[in-house]
Amino acid sequence: MNIIKKKVDIQEFIENFDLIAHYDELGRKHYLVVPDRERGGDWTLMKYPNNEMTIHGKGVDYCDPDEQKLFDKDLLEFIWKNRKMFNSRIKESFLLKKD
């Protein structure tokens, strides 16, 4: 999987999300946690077996009430806005697999 350099790279990231994400057996979903730079907590991006993707934010002073479904444009914008964090996860994942 390549790092996200252009918006067109986001589709590959979404398609191969399962390769770098953790798996929650109970929730039956893949997920990645990245820092929420605006609120000082973390974002969790989740992908379900039906390919639906959601986000949830949580920090010391806040916790979003529910997961928020992301569709098309909003999903692309969220990933693009946080690409630095997702690129770090991509790099970490493939470095670990080489060892």
N, C-alpha and C. Protein backbone atom coordinates (compact mmCIF):
# COMPACT_ATOMS: atom_id res chain seq x y z
N MET A 1 0.84 -1.17 0.00
CA MET A 1 0.00 0.00 0.00
C MET A 1 0.89 1.24 0.00
N ASN A 2 0.56 2.17 -0.85
CA ASN A 2 1.31 3.42 -0.93
C ASN A 2 0.79 4.43 0.08
N ILE A 3 1.65 5.37 0.46
CA ILE A 3 1.19 6.45 1.32
C ILE A 3 0.30 7.38 0.51
N ILE A 4 -0.46 8.20 1.21
CA ILE A 4 -1.42 9.10 0.58
C ILE A 4 -0.72 10.40 0.23
N LYS A 5 -0.45 10.58 -1.06
CA LYS A 5 0.19 11.81 -1.55
C LYS A 5 -0.80 12.70 -2.28
N LYS A 6 -1.78 12.07 -2.92
CA LYS A 6 -2.80 12.78 -3.68
C LYS A 6 -4.16 12.22 -3.29
N LYS A 7 -5.19 12.98 -3.57
CA LYS A 7 -6.54 12.53 -3.21
C LYS A 7 -6.91 11.22 -3.89
N VAL A 8 -6.36 10.96 -5.07
CA VAL A 8 -6.67 9.70 -5.75
C VAL A 8 -6.10 8.50 -5.00
N ASP A 9 -5.11 8.70 -4.14
CA ASP A 9 -4.52 7.62 -3.35
C ASP A 9 -5.45 7.13 -2.24
N ILE A 10 -6.45 7.93 -1.92
CA ILE A 10 -7.35 7.58 -0.82
C ILE A 10 -8.15 6.33 -1.14
N GLN A 11 -8.52 6.13 -2.38
CA GLN A 11 -9.30 4.95 -2.74
C GLN A 11 -8.51 3.67 -2.45
N GLU A 12 -7.23 3.66 -2.78
CA GLU A 12 -6.40 2.50 -2.47
C GLU A 12 -6.34 2.27 -0.96
N PHE A 13 -6.22 3.35 -0.21
CA PHE A 13 -6.20 3.26 1.25
C PHE A 13 -7.48 2.60 1.77
N ILE A 14 -8.63 3.04 1.26
CA ILE A 14 -9.92 2.48 1.70
C ILE A 14 -10.02 1.01 1.31
N GLU A 15 -9.64 0.68 0.09
CA GLU A 15 -9.73 -0.70 -0.38
C GLU A 15 -8.83 -1.65 0.41
N ASN A 16 -7.68 -1.16 0.86
CA ASN A 16 -6.71 -1.99 1.57
C ASN A 16 -6.66 -1.72 3.07
N PHE A 17 -7.66 -1.04 3.57
CA PHE A 17 -7.74 -0.67 4.99
C PHE A 17 -7.51 -1.87 5.90
N ASP A 18 -8.09 -3.01 5.54
CA ASP A 18 -7.99 -4.21 6.37
C ASP A 18 -6.55 -4.68 6.56
N LEU A 19 -5.66 -4.33 5.63
CA LEU A 19 -4.26 -4.77 5.71
C LEU A 19 -3.48 -4.09 6.82
N ILE A 20 -3.88 -2.87 7.18
CA ILE A 20 -3.13 -2.13 8.19
C ILE A 20 -3.90 -1.91 9.48
N ALA A 21 -5.20 -2.19 9.45
CA ALA A 21 -6.06 -1.93 10.60
C ALA A 21 -6.05 -3.10 11.58
N HIS A 22 -6.43 -2.80 12.81
CA HIS A 22 -6.66 -3.82 13.82
C HIS A 22 -8.06 -4.38 13.60
N TYR A 23 -8.31 -5.55 14.18
CA TYR A 23 -9.63 -6.15 14.04
C TYR A 23 -10.28 -6.31 15.40
N ASP A 24 -11.51 -5.85 15.51
CA ASP A 24 -12.31 -5.98 16.72
C ASP A 24 -13.27 -7.15 16.50
N GLU A 25 -12.97 -8.28 17.13
CA GLU A 25 -13.78 -9.49 16.96
C GLU A 25 -15.20 -9.28 17.46
N LEU A 26 -15.34 -8.62 18.60
CA LEU A 26 -16.67 -8.40 19.17
C LEU A 26 -17.52 -7.50 18.28
N GLY A 27 -16.93 -6.40 17.83
CA GLY A 27 -17.66 -5.46 16.99
C GLY A 27 -17.66 -5.82 15.51
N ARG A 28 -16.87 -6.84 15.17
CA ARG A 28 -16.75 -7.31 13.78
C ARG A 28 -16.43 -6.18 12.82
N LYS A 29 -15.34 -5.47 13.13
CA LYS A 29 -14.93 -4.35 12.30
C LYS A 29 -13.42 -4.18 12.38
N HIS A 30 -12.87 -3.58 11.35
CA HIS A 30 -11.46 -3.18 11.35
C HIS A 30 -11.42 -1.72 11.79
N TYR A 31 -10.33 -1.35 12.46
CA TYR A 31 -10.24 0.03 12.95
C TYR A 31 -8.80 0.51 13.04
N LEU A 32 -8.65 1.81 12.94
CA LEU A 32 -7.38 2.50 13.15
C LEU A 32 -7.63 3.69 14.06
N VAL A 33 -6.73 3.92 14.98
CA VAL A 33 -6.81 5.06 15.88
C VAL A 33 -5.70 6.04 15.51
N VAL A 34 -6.08 7.30 15.30
CA VAL A 34 -5.12 8.36 14.99
C VAL A 34 -5.41 9.56 15.88
N PRO A 35 -4.42 10.40 16.13
CA PRO A 35 -4.64 11.58 16.96
C PRO A 35 -5.64 12.55 16.34
N ASP A 36 -6.47 13.12 17.19
CA ASP A 36 -7.37 14.19 16.81
C ASP A 36 -6.64 15.49 17.16
N ARG A 37 -6.05 16.10 16.16
CA ARG A 37 -5.20 17.27 16.38
C ARG A 37 -5.99 18.50 16.84
N GLU A 38 -7.27 18.56 16.50
CA GLU A 38 -8.06 19.73 16.86
C GLU A 38 -8.56 19.68 18.31
N ARG A 39 -8.96 18.50 18.76
CA ARG A 39 -9.55 18.40 20.09
C ARG A 39 -8.63 17.75 21.12
N GLY A 40 -7.49 17.27 20.68
CA GLY A 40 -6.52 16.73 21.61
C GLY A 40 -6.78 15.32 22.10
N GLY A 41 -7.60 14.58 21.39
CA GLY A 41 -7.86 13.19 21.76
C GLY A 41 -7.49 12.28 20.61
N ASP A 42 -8.36 11.34 20.31
CA ASP A 42 -8.13 10.40 19.23
C ASP A 42 -9.38 10.24 18.37
N TRP A 43 -9.14 9.98 17.10
CA TRP A 43 -10.18 9.56 16.17
C TRP A 43 -10.02 8.07 15.96
N THR A 44 -11.11 7.36 15.89
CA THR A 44 -11.09 5.96 15.48
C THR A 44 -11.86 5.86 14.18
N LEU A 45 -11.19 5.41 13.13
CA LEU A 45 -11.82 5.17 11.83
C LEU A 45 -12.09 3.68 11.74
N MET A 46 -13.35 3.32 11.46
CA MET A 46 -13.76 1.92 11.45
C MET A 46 -14.35 1.54 10.10
N LYS A 47 -14.13 0.28 9.73
CA LYS A 47 -14.69 -0.25 8.48
C LYS A 47 -15.37 -1.58 8.80
N TYR A 48 -16.63 -1.67 8.43
CA TYR A 48 -17.44 -2.85 8.69
C TYR A 48 -17.41 -3.79 7.49
N PRO A 49 -17.84 -5.04 7.68
CA PRO A 49 -17.83 -6.02 6.57
C PRO A 49 -18.62 -5.57 5.33
N ASN A 50 -19.61 -4.73 5.50
CA ASN A 50 -20.38 -4.22 4.36
C ASN A 50 -19.72 -3.00 3.72
N ASN A 51 -18.47 -2.71 4.13
CA ASN A 51 -17.66 -1.59 3.65
C ASN A 51 -18.13 -0.23 4.14
N GLU A 52 -19.09 -0.18 5.04
CA GLU A 52 -19.49 1.08 5.67
C GLU A 52 -18.35 1.56 6.56
N MET A 53 -18.08 2.86 6.52
CA MET A 53 -17.01 3.42 7.34
C MET A 53 -17.59 4.46 8.28
N THR A 54 -17.08 4.44 9.52
CA THR A 54 -17.53 5.38 10.54
C THR A 54 -16.33 5.95 11.27
N ILE A 55 -16.58 7.07 11.97
CA ILE A 55 -15.55 7.64 12.85
C ILE A 55 -16.15 7.87 14.23
N HIS A 56 -15.27 7.90 15.20
CA HIS A 56 -15.66 8.24 16.57
C HIS A 56 -14.49 8.95 17.22
N GLY A 57 -14.80 10.04 17.92
CA GLY A 57 -13.77 10.80 18.60
C GLY A 57 -13.89 10.67 20.11
N LYS A 58 -12.72 10.61 20.77
CA LYS A 58 -12.71 10.49 22.22
C LYS A 58 -11.43 11.10 22.76
N GLY A 59 -11.57 11.85 23.85
CA GLY A 59 -10.42 12.46 24.50
C GLY A 59 -10.66 12.57 25.98
N VAL A 60 -9.76 13.24 26.68
CA VAL A 60 -9.87 13.41 28.12
C VAL A 60 -11.14 14.18 28.48
N ASP A 61 -11.43 15.24 27.71
CA ASP A 61 -12.55 16.12 28.02
C ASP A 61 -13.78 15.92 27.15
N TYR A 62 -13.78 14.92 26.30
CA TYR A 62 -14.93 14.72 25.41
C TYR A 62 -15.02 13.27 24.95
N CYS A 63 -16.20 12.91 24.53
CA CYS A 63 -16.45 11.61 23.90
C CYS A 63 -17.68 11.79 23.02
N ASP A 64 -17.50 11.58 21.72
CA ASP A 64 -18.64 11.68 20.81
C ASP A 64 -19.70 10.68 21.25
N PRO A 65 -20.98 11.06 21.17
CA PRO A 65 -22.03 10.16 21.64
C PRO A 65 -22.15 8.87 20.83
N ASP A 66 -21.91 8.92 19.54
CA ASP A 66 -22.06 7.75 18.67
C ASP A 66 -21.03 7.79 17.56
N GLU A 67 -20.90 6.66 16.88
CA GLU A 67 -20.11 6.64 15.65
C GLU A 67 -20.86 7.44 14.60
N GLN A 68 -20.10 8.11 13.76
CA GLN A 68 -20.70 8.90 12.68
C GLN A 68 -20.36 8.22 11.35
N LYS A 69 -21.37 7.90 10.57
CA LYS A 69 -21.13 7.30 9.25
C LYS A 69 -20.54 8.35 8.33
N LEU A 70 -19.56 7.91 7.54
CA LEU A 70 -18.96 8.80 6.55
C LEU A 70 -19.23 8.24 5.16
N PHE A 71 -19.72 9.09 4.30
CA PHE A 71 -20.02 8.70 2.93
C PHE A 71 -19.17 9.54 1.98
N ASP A 72 -18.78 8.95 0.90
CA ASP A 72 -18.11 9.56 -0.24
C ASP A 72 -17.27 10.79 0.10
N LYS A 73 -17.81 11.96 -0.17
CA LYS A 73 -17.05 13.21 -0.03
C LYS A 73 -16.55 13.43 1.39
N ASP A 74 -17.41 13.17 2.39
CA ASP A 74 -17.00 13.37 3.78
C ASP A 74 -15.89 12.40 4.19
N LEU A 75 -15.97 11.17 3.72
CA LEU A 75 -14.94 10.18 4.00
C LEU A 75 -13.62 10.60 3.37
N LEU A 76 -13.68 11.00 2.11
CA LEU A 76 -12.47 11.45 1.41
C LEU A 76 -11.84 12.65 2.12
N GLU A 77 -12.67 13.61 2.52
CA GLU A 77 -12.15 14.81 3.18
C GLU A 77 -11.55 14.49 4.55
N PHE A 78 -12.17 13.58 5.30
CA PHE A 78 -11.64 13.20 6.60
C PHE A 78 -10.27 12.54 6.46
N ILE A 79 -10.16 11.61 5.53
CA ILE A 79 -8.88 10.93 5.32
C ILE A 79 -7.84 11.91 4.81
N TRP A 80 -8.21 12.77 3.87
CA TRP A 80 -7.27 13.75 3.32
C TRP A 80 -6.78 14.70 4.41
N LYS A 81 -7.69 15.17 5.23
CA LYS A 81 -7.34 16.10 6.31
C LYS A 81 -6.38 15.46 7.31
N ASN A 82 -6.52 14.16 7.52
CA ASN A 82 -5.71 13.44 8.50
C ASN A 82 -4.68 12.51 7.86
N ARG A 83 -4.33 12.79 6.61
CA ARG A 83 -3.45 11.88 5.87
C ARG A 83 -2.08 11.70 6.52
N LYS A 84 -1.58 12.73 7.18
CA LYS A 84 -0.28 12.61 7.85
C LYS A 84 -0.34 11.49 8.90
N MET A 85 -1.42 11.46 9.66
CA MET A 85 -1.57 10.43 10.69
C MET A 85 -1.77 9.05 10.06
N PHE A 86 -2.59 8.97 9.02
CA PHE A 86 -2.82 7.68 8.36
C PHE A 86 -1.55 7.20 7.65
N ASN A 87 -0.79 8.12 7.06
CA ASN A 87 0.48 7.73 6.43
C ASN A 87 1.44 7.15 7.45
N SER A 88 1.45 7.70 8.66
CA SER A 88 2.30 7.13 9.73
C SER A 88 1.90 5.70 10.03
N ARG A 89 0.59 5.43 10.06
CA ARG A 89 0.11 4.06 10.32
C ARG A 89 0.48 3.13 9.17
N ILE A 90 0.38 3.63 7.93
CA ILE A 90 0.76 2.82 6.77
C ILE A 90 2.24 2.44 6.87
N LYS A 91 3.09 3.42 7.15
CA LYS A 91 4.53 3.17 7.25
C LYS A 91 4.84 2.19 8.37
N GLU A 92 4.23 2.40 9.54
CA GLU A 92 4.45 1.52 10.70
C GLU A 92 4.05 0.09 10.34
N SER A 93 2.92 -0.06 9.73
CA SER A 93 2.40 -1.40 9.42
C SER A 93 3.34 -2.15 8.50
N PHE A 94 3.82 -1.49 7.47
CA PHE A 94 4.67 -2.19 6.52
C PHE A 94 6.09 -2.35 7.02
N LEU A 95 6.54 -1.50 7.91
CA LEU A 95 7.85 -1.71 8.54
C LEU A 95 7.80 -2.93 9.44
N LEU A 96 6.71 -3.08 10.20
CA LEU A 96 6.57 -4.23 11.10
C LEU A 96 6.50 -5.53 10.32
N LYS A 97 5.85 -5.52 9.16
CA LYS A 97 5.70 -6.73 8.37
C LYS A 97 7.00 -7.15 7.72
N LYS A 98 7.95 -6.21 7.55
CA LYS A 98 9.24 -6.55 6.93
C LYS A 98 10.16 -7.26 7.92
N ASP A 99 9.95 -7.02 9.21
CA ASP A 99 10.83 -7.61 10.24
C ASP A 99 10.58 -9.08 10.45
